[in-house]
Amino acid sequence: AMKFLGGLIQRVKGQDPTRLAVLVGVMGGPSEWAGLSDVICINRYWGWYTNVGDLSTALKYFSGEMDMLHKKFNKPVLITEFGADAIEGMHASEDEIYSEEYQVKLIKSFLDVADTKDYVVGMHVWNFADFRTGQSLMRVGGMNLKGVFTQDRKPKMAAHYLRSRWSNE
């Protein structure tokens, strides 16, 4: 895989050496793959697909992994996906997965951890809006509910949180 992916990166650089060449490392993928990129790009779902509902442990893994990748490769880190599903209108007073409160708490926590790392160059909350996908035990009603907006573009609590965070409200 390293030879194949390295060859793809070299081919891209041969076509246009002025552009960044990246591949996105999925959770559980070898860190060496991410190291081939000009920027370390990773999709991370600590606290959602792993450490479900356990944000304190999830954030330790998230922080430690970013530190390890940056130290190992000395490259900027871009979090290309992170988030948690939330069912519109589901609320909970405790950290309960699928609640809008849990989605906000996870997003806020990830952003707060990244803010402490000067090598993190950006993050992308997954996703803008809920969308239909294949049926599975992980997909309530065949939907990916990680959107900060519903499928019909109504804002969830996470959309309001992000607006306030980025507009200093």
Protein backbone atom coordinates (compact mmCIF):
# COMPACT_ATOMS: atom_id res chain seq x y z
CA ALA A 1 0.00 0.00 0.00
CA MET A 2 2.82 2.42 0.84
CA LYS A 3 4.40 1.87 -2.57
CA PHE A 4 1.07 2.31 -4.37
CA LEU A 5 -0.02 5.40 -2.42
CA GLY A 6 3.47 6.89 -2.61
CA GLY A 7 3.38 6.38 -6.37
CA LEU A 8 0.05 8.21 -6.59
CA ILE A 9 1.43 11.15 -4.61
CA GLN A 10 4.52 11.26 -6.86
CA ARG A 11 2.33 11.17 -9.95
CA VAL A 12 0.25 14.09 -8.66
CA LYS A 13 3.41 16.06 -7.85
CA GLY A 14 4.75 15.26 -11.33
CA GLN A 15 1.61 16.73 -12.89
CA ASP A 16 1.64 19.88 -10.76
CA PRO A 17 4.36 20.35 -8.14
CA THR A 18 2.74 23.58 -6.90
CA ARG A 19 -0.35 21.86 -5.47
CA LEU A 20 -0.66 20.07 -2.18
CA ALA A 21 -1.10 16.33 -2.46
CA VAL A 22 -3.04 14.67 0.34
CA LEU A 23 -4.86 11.53 1.23
CA VAL A 24 -7.21 11.24 4.16
CA GLY A 25 -6.42 8.75 6.90
CA VAL A 26 -9.44 6.88 8.21
CA MET A 27 -9.62 5.72 11.80
CA GLY A 28 -7.57 2.58 12.23
CA GLY A 29 -5.49 3.16 9.10
CA PRO A 30 -1.69 3.07 9.31
CA SER A 31 -0.20 6.45 10.27
CA GLU A 32 2.48 5.96 7.61
CA TRP A 33 -0.16 6.44 4.94
CA ALA A 34 -1.06 9.87 6.32
CA GLY A 35 2.64 10.75 6.40
CA LEU A 36 2.80 10.59 2.59
CA SER A 37 0.65 13.72 2.37
CA ASP A 38 1.86 17.32 2.37
CA VAL A 39 -0.67 17.92 5.16
CA ILE A 40 -1.79 15.24 7.61
CA CYS A 41 -5.52 14.84 6.89
CA ILE A 42 -7.55 12.62 9.19
CA ASN A 43 -11.20 11.76 9.75
CA ARG A 44 -11.74 11.17 13.47
CA TYR A 45 -14.82 10.02 15.33
CA TRP A 46 -13.54 9.44 18.86
CA GLY A 47 -16.57 9.60 21.13
CA TRP A 48 -18.89 8.42 18.39
CA TYR A 49 -17.80 5.20 16.64
CA THR A 50 -15.28 4.43 19.39
CA ASN A 51 -15.47 5.42 23.05
CA VAL A 52 -19.17 5.91 22.41
CA GLY A 53 -20.52 8.54 24.78
CA ASP A 54 -17.22 8.72 26.72
CA LEU A 55 -15.93 12.15 25.70
CA SER A 56 -13.21 12.43 28.34
CA THR A 57 -11.48 9.29 27.06
CA ALA A 58 -12.23 10.17 23.44
CA LEU A 59 -10.60 13.58 23.78
CA LYS A 60 -7.46 12.07 25.31
CA TYR A 61 -7.14 9.76 22.30
CA PHE A 62 -7.86 12.60 19.88
CA SER A 63 -5.31 14.93 21.45
CA GLY A 64 -2.67 12.24 21.80
CA GLU A 65 -3.08 11.01 18.26
CA MET A 66 -2.73 14.50 16.79
CA ASP A 67 0.39 15.12 18.88
CA MET A 68 1.88 11.80 17.76
CA LEU A 69 1.18 12.45 14.08
CA HIS A 70 2.62 15.95 14.20
CA LYS A 71 5.72 14.82 16.10
CA LYS A 72 6.25 11.83 13.80
CA PHE A 73 5.87 13.71 10.50
CA ASN A 74 6.40 17.39 11.42
CA LYS A 75 3.57 18.47 9.15
CA PRO A 76 0.39 20.50 9.71
CA VAL A 77 -2.70 18.53 10.70
CA LEU A 78 -6.14 19.04 9.15
CA ILE A 79 -9.15 17.29 10.67
CA THR A 80 -11.16 16.58 7.54
CA GLU A 81 -14.15 15.02 9.35
CA PHE A 82 -15.42 14.86 12.93
CA GLY A 83 -18.81 14.84 14.57
CA ALA A 84 -21.70 12.87 16.02
CA ASP A 85 -25.22 12.01 14.90
CA ALA A 86 -28.11 13.92 16.47
CA ILE A 87 -31.79 13.23 16.02
CA GLU A 88 -33.61 16.52 15.53
CA GLY A 89 -35.55 17.37 18.66
CA MET A 90 -33.98 14.66 20.83
CA HIS A 91 -32.79 16.24 24.05
CA ALA A 92 -31.14 14.89 27.18
CA SER A 93 -29.79 16.33 30.40
CA GLU A 94 -26.97 13.73 30.52
CA ASP A 95 -24.41 12.88 27.85
CA GLU A 96 -26.73 10.77 25.75
CA ILE A 97 -25.73 9.78 22.24
CA TYR A 98 -28.06 10.93 19.46
CA SER A 99 -29.15 13.95 21.54
CA GLU A 100 -28.59 17.42 20.15
CA GLU A 101 -26.76 18.30 23.39
CA TYR A 102 -24.25 15.47 22.89
CA GLN A 103 -23.59 16.55 19.31
CA VAL A 104 -22.87 20.11 20.49
CA LYS A 105 -20.68 18.93 23.35
CA LEU A 106 -18.62 16.69 21.07
CA ILE A 107 -18.15 19.40 18.45
CA LYS A 108 -17.25 22.00 21.08
CA SER A 109 -14.82 19.63 22.79
CA PHE A 110 -13.03 18.72 19.55
CA LEU A 111 -12.71 22.39 18.57
CA ASP A 112 -11.42 23.28 22.05
CA VAL A 113 -8.76 20.56 21.94
CA ALA A 114 -7.66 21.60 18.45
CA ASP A 115 -7.41 25.24 19.60
CA THR A 116 -4.60 24.17 21.93
CA LYS A 117 -2.52 22.81 19.02
CA ASP A 118 -0.73 25.40 16.90
CA TYR A 119 -0.07 22.81 14.18
CA VAL A 120 -3.80 22.19 13.51
CA VAL A 121 -4.60 24.20 10.39
CA GLY A 122 -8.30 23.49 10.12
CA MET A 123 -11.25 21.28 10.91
CA HIS A 124 -14.40 20.28 9.07
CA VAL A 125 -17.49 19.35 11.06
CA TRP A 126 -19.11 16.40 9.35
CA ASN A 127 -21.62 17.31 8.01
CA PHE A 128 -23.47 20.40 6.82
CA ALA A 129 -26.83 18.63 6.68
CA ASP A 130 -28.28 15.20 7.40
CA PHE A 131 -28.48 12.93 4.36
CA ARG A 132 -29.89 9.58 3.31
CA THR A 133 -27.46 6.68 3.13
CA GLY A 134 -27.53 2.90 3.19
CA GLN A 135 -29.43 1.09 5.91
CA SER A 136 -27.47 -0.34 8.81
CA LEU A 137 -27.64 -0.68 12.57
CA MET A 138 -25.61 2.55 12.79
CA ARG A 139 -28.00 4.52 10.59
CA VAL A 140 -31.31 5.45 12.20
CA GLY A 141 -33.90 5.39 9.42
CA GLY A 142 -31.18 5.00 6.78
CA MET A 143 -29.90 8.50 7.57
CA ASN A 144 -26.51 9.94 8.43
CA LEU A 145 -27.59 12.41 11.10
CA LYS A 146 -24.26 14.17 11.66
CA GLY A 147 -25.51 17.31 9.96
CA VAL A 148 -25.69 20.53 11.92
CA PHE A 149 -28.79 21.14 9.82
CA THR A 150 -31.59 18.68 9.14
CA GLN A 151 -32.07 17.20 5.69
CA ASP A 152 -34.58 19.98 4.96
CA ARG A 153 -32.08 22.61 6.23
CA LYS A 154 -33.54 23.44 9.64
CA PRO A 155 -30.78 24.28 12.13
CA LYS A 156 -30.05 21.92 14.98
CA MET A 157 -28.51 23.13 18.25
CA ALA A 158 -25.05 22.54 16.74
CA ALA A 159 -25.67 25.10 13.97
CA HIS A 160 -26.61 27.72 16.55
CA TYR A 161 -23.57 26.80 18.65
CA LEU A 162 -21.17 27.11 15.70
CA ARG A 163 -22.66 30.46 14.67
CA SER A 164 -22.18 31.82 18.18
CA ARG A 165 -18.64 30.42 18.47
CA TRP A 166 -17.50 31.92 15.20
CA SER A 167 -19.34 35.23 15.48
CA ASN A 168 -18.37 35.91 19.11
CA GLU A 169 -22.05 36.16 20.11
